[in-house]
Protein backbone atom coordinates (compact mmCIF):
# COMPACT_ATOMS: atom_id res chain seq x y z
CA MET A 1 1.75 -6.62 24.59
CA HIS A 2 2.09 -6.39 21.05
CA GLY A 3 5.30 -6.21 18.64
CA GLY A 4 5.29 -2.30 18.36
CA CYS A 5 5.24 -1.73 22.36
CA PHE A 6 8.24 -4.62 22.69
CA HIS A 7 10.34 -2.47 19.92
CA THR A 8 9.10 0.72 21.89
CA CYS A 9 10.28 -0.70 25.18
CA LEU A 10 12.85 -2.85 24.28
CA GLY A 11 14.33 -0.88 21.54
CA ASN A 12 17.65 -0.14 22.95
CA TYR A 13 18.32 -3.61 24.31
CA ASP A 14 19.62 -6.75 22.95
CA TYR A 15 16.70 -9.71 23.42
CA ILE A 16 16.10 -13.35 22.74
CA GLY A 17 12.47 -14.81 21.38
CA LEU A 18 12.07 -18.48 22.36
CA ASP A 19 9.67 -20.59 21.32
CA GLU A 20 8.80 -24.38 19.83
CA CYS A 21 7.08 -22.58 17.05
CA CYS A 22 9.44 -21.71 13.58
CA ASN A 23 7.52 -18.20 13.30
CA THR A 24 9.83 -15.65 14.08
CA PHE A 25 7.38 -12.34 15.55
CA PHE A 26 10.73 -10.01 15.25
CA LYS A 27 12.31 -11.07 12.45
CA TYR A 28 12.57 -7.29 11.13
CA HIS A 29 14.27 -5.63 14.18
CA ASN A 30 18.53 -6.12 14.59
CA ASN A 31 18.48 -6.77 18.52
CA PHE A 32 16.46 -9.43 18.42
CA GLU A 33 17.79 -13.24 18.21
CA TYR A 34 15.15 -16.04 17.84
CA VAL A 35 15.65 -19.49 19.16
CA ASN A 36 13.75 -22.50 18.68
CA GLY A 37 13.26 -24.45 21.64
CA SER A 38 10.93 -24.91 24.93
CA PHE A 39 11.74 -23.70 28.15
CA PRO A 40 13.35 -24.65 30.77
CA ASP A 41 14.92 -27.14 28.38
CA VAL A 42 16.34 -24.46 26.72
CA ALA A 43 17.08 -20.93 28.90
CA PRO A 44 18.74 -18.33 26.82
CA LYS A 45 21.04 -16.22 29.20
CA GLY A 46 19.89 -12.82 30.32
CA ASP A 47 19.32 -10.43 32.71
CA ILE A 48 15.18 -10.44 32.69
CA PHE A 49 12.54 -13.33 31.34
CA ILE A 50 9.40 -12.59 29.61
CA ALA A 51 6.22 -15.01 29.74
CA ILE A 52 3.26 -14.03 28.45
CA MET A 53 0.60 -16.94 28.41
CA SER A 54 3.49 -19.88 27.95
CA LEU A 55 4.36 -21.33 31.43
CA GLY A 56 2.18 -23.80 32.81
CA PHE A 57 0.21 -23.66 29.29
CA ASN A 58 1.83 -26.13 27.60
CA ARG A 59 0.68 -28.50 24.87
CA ARG A 60 3.01 -30.90 26.46
CA PHE A 61 0.93 -32.57 28.87
CA HIS A 62 3.66 -33.88 31.08
CA LEU A 63 5.28 -30.51 31.62
CA ASN A 64 3.01 -29.69 34.61
CA LYS A 65 2.78 -29.38 38.05
CA ASP A 66 2.64 -33.14 39.11
CA ASN A 67 6.18 -33.16 37.39
CA LYS A 68 8.94 -32.99 39.66
CA ASP A 69 11.87 -33.01 37.50
CA PHE A 70 10.04 -30.51 35.34
CA ILE A 71 9.12 -28.08 38.25
CA ASP A 72 13.07 -28.68 39.78
CA ASN A 73 14.49 -27.56 35.82
CA LEU A 74 11.62 -24.66 35.69
CA ARG A 75 13.29 -23.42 38.93
CA LYS A 76 16.89 -23.84 38.19
CA ALA A 77 16.62 -22.50 34.49
CA PHE A 78 14.92 -19.30 36.34
CA GLN A 79 18.05 -19.11 38.74
CA ASN A 80 19.47 -17.52 35.11
CA TYR A 81 17.80 -14.11 35.75
CA LYS A 82 17.52 -11.48 37.98
CA MET A 83 13.72 -10.47 37.19
CA GLY A 84 11.30 -10.90 34.65
CA LEU A 85 7.77 -10.28 33.79
CA THR A 86 4.98 -12.92 33.49
CA HIS A 87 1.21 -13.88 32.87
CA VAL A 88 1.45 -17.79 33.36
CA ALA A 89 0.04 -20.51 35.66
CA ASP A 90 -0.64 -20.63 39.16
CA TRP A 91 1.45 -23.10 39.85
CA VAL A 92 4.10 -21.53 38.30
CA GLN A 93 4.29 -18.37 39.95
CA GLU A 94 4.48 -20.73 43.52
CA ILE A 95 7.18 -21.94 41.90
CA LEU A 96 8.74 -18.59 41.25
CA GLU A 97 7.97 -17.09 44.40
CA VAL A 98 10.48 -19.02 46.34
CA ASP A 99 13.07 -17.47 44.77
CA PHE A 100 11.47 -13.82 43.60
CA ALA A 101 9.41 -11.19 44.99
CA LYS A 102 6.33 -10.60 43.32
CA THR A 103 4.44 -6.96 42.06
CA VAL A 104 1.01 -6.78 40.73
CA ILE A 105 0.93 -4.70 37.52
CA LYS A 106 -2.73 -3.90 36.81
CA ASP A 107 -4.15 -2.26 33.64
CA GLY A 108 -8.10 -2.38 34.45
CA SER A 109 -8.92 -6.30 34.12
CA ASP A 110 -5.09 -7.01 32.91
CA ILE A 111 -2.71 -8.53 35.11
CA LEU A 112 0.72 -9.00 34.78
CA TYR A 113 3.28 -9.76 37.64
CA PHE A 114 6.87 -8.39 38.21
CA TRP A 115 9.84 -10.44 39.64
CA LYS A 116 12.38 -9.44 41.36
CA LYS A 117 15.12 -12.00 42.66
CA LYS A 118 15.09 -12.00 46.44
CA GLU A 119 18.75 -10.92 48.02
CA ASP A 120 20.51 -13.84 49.55
């Protein structure tokens, strides 16, 4: 999704951007807060998470599927949310599948996943 779609789709909602980079893609929107950090070390509170091409592709090699502490922290951080939208590494999806039900969204060859927290 490009910025125009985010603004159109999320224009009536407040949202938080989280990135290790100092660029603020949404700096011109009044309903956007930018947080410098890395998930799950920083997990802004909200109802919905959106992770597109980020989790599992982290430049910090030690934050991966073989790092049990990272996986535990990742799962704990996701507990802050009711639902989400992702395109992430397969091993991150496996973590999400423990606590969330997945729906596949296809648009031609593009695939996104919608996650909704499972009922207790």
